[in-house]
Amino acid sequence: MKKILAGFLLFVISVNLIGQTELEQSALQLNTITTAVPFLLIAPDSRAGAMGDAGVSSTPDANSIHWNVAKLAFVEKEMGIAVSYSPWLRNLVPDINLSYVSGYKKLGDNNAIGASLRYFSLGDIKFTDDQGNAIGDFNPAEFAFDVGFSQKFGNKFSGGITARYIHSNLTGGIDVSGTDTKAGRSFAVDVGVFYTNDEAELFGQDAIFNFGLSISNIGAKISYTNDAVADFIPINLRLGPSLTFVLDDHNTFSILTDINKLLVPTPPIYATDESGNPILDPITQEQVIESGENPDVPIVTGIFQSFSDAPGGFSEELREYNISVGLEYWYNKQFAVRAGYFHEAAIKGNRRYITAGLGLKLSVFSIDFSYLIPMTQQNPLANTVRFSLMFDFEDFKTQNKNSGSSGGRRNNEN
């Protein structure tokens, strides 16, 4: 155990030093990838949020539909629901938050269905014209509704698919610089696979090995006006393993790793003249690309192009992979302690943070807390506590059955 913890701390320190070197060497080469509706990538639940946003291969629960829908086929209980709440930019504004409700229902030993609803409120915003005159108030909000299905293919492997409707209303139809605006809408799907082996052994210790892979938000681009170029939604590849050591009947310890990559085009570097003005193609009147690829491509083309279109070449492509590492310790399946680390390259956004959290399982529900400590710039979740509640309906039935049996015994005794 001490060797595992020491190795994790060494990893965090090493990645942090690499990130600092990247920032010093590449501060002038910042080339972040932006998409519409980025709220779809926010970790919605506190359990994964406490483990550095790692969850593609964690043990299945009611929040699995976000991380990897294929995990639902291996969930142990018959039915469950989870509710999560995450404040956003709480140090600056009080009314921005992400709310999330998800659940599942087993349809048999080999399959399950799930559903979720996430709602991102951006608070109250006052719109003004070019002269600063108020033209309206609005509460921008975005939401996504998911329905998923997961199926086992044998005792160790499963697959799943999720359908998603996305609605993003950022302006309420208010004219912006003389242009009519509208709510952005899109449909998308997730696909995932999950492998689990509960008979693994490592260092003479019983262990459970999991591996997950998920591609999320494969769907249509979004536009907020009738004449604007549509933006990609955050199509994301997530994969990674987890290893759970069964120390004894009361103690388990898990190590998780997630690797993430956005499957959307990387912004190219455009050619400029000696004065710094963009050079336009004399025929198309579009900006000439000096390095990289044209980002205005169809969805499928953009997915495949995303693996080789970074203007900085292979070294920049490697920096487009984000890494999450998480630890989770359970005592008697009732009390959990979690920690994690998230790393993003300096030239791709420079998000780096440590996370921590606790979990407590009671008779019919469990509660999870998470806390984020930023290691670079201000993070929207910095110094805020997120929490999730999870309800287990099988435990509800067991408790009611036991209560009924106790009542019957008391009546018989009387």
Foldseek 3Di string as FASTA:
>chain_A
DVVVVVVVVVVQVVQVVVQVVLCVVCVVPFFADDFPPPVLQDLFAQVCVQQQNFDQWDQDDQPNVSNALQNVLVHDFAKKKKKWKAFFLVVPDPPWIKIKIKMKGAPDNWKIKMKMKIKTKPQKDFDAAPVRHTDDIDTWMKMKIKIKMKGDDDDFKIKMKMKMKIWTDGDVQDQDPNFTWAIKIKIFMKIKMKGKDQQDADPNFRKIKMKMKMWTGLIDFIDGGPPDQTTGDFGKIKIWMKMWTCRDLFKIKMKIKIKMAGQAATDAAFDADPVRHFDADPPPRHGHGPFFDDRRDDRVVSRVSLQAGYRVGPVVSVLRIKMKMKMWMGGNNFKIKMKIWIAHRSSHPGWIWIKIKMKGDDQFKIKIKMAIDTPDDDGRRHPHIMMMMMGRVVSVVVVVVVVVVVVVVVVVVD
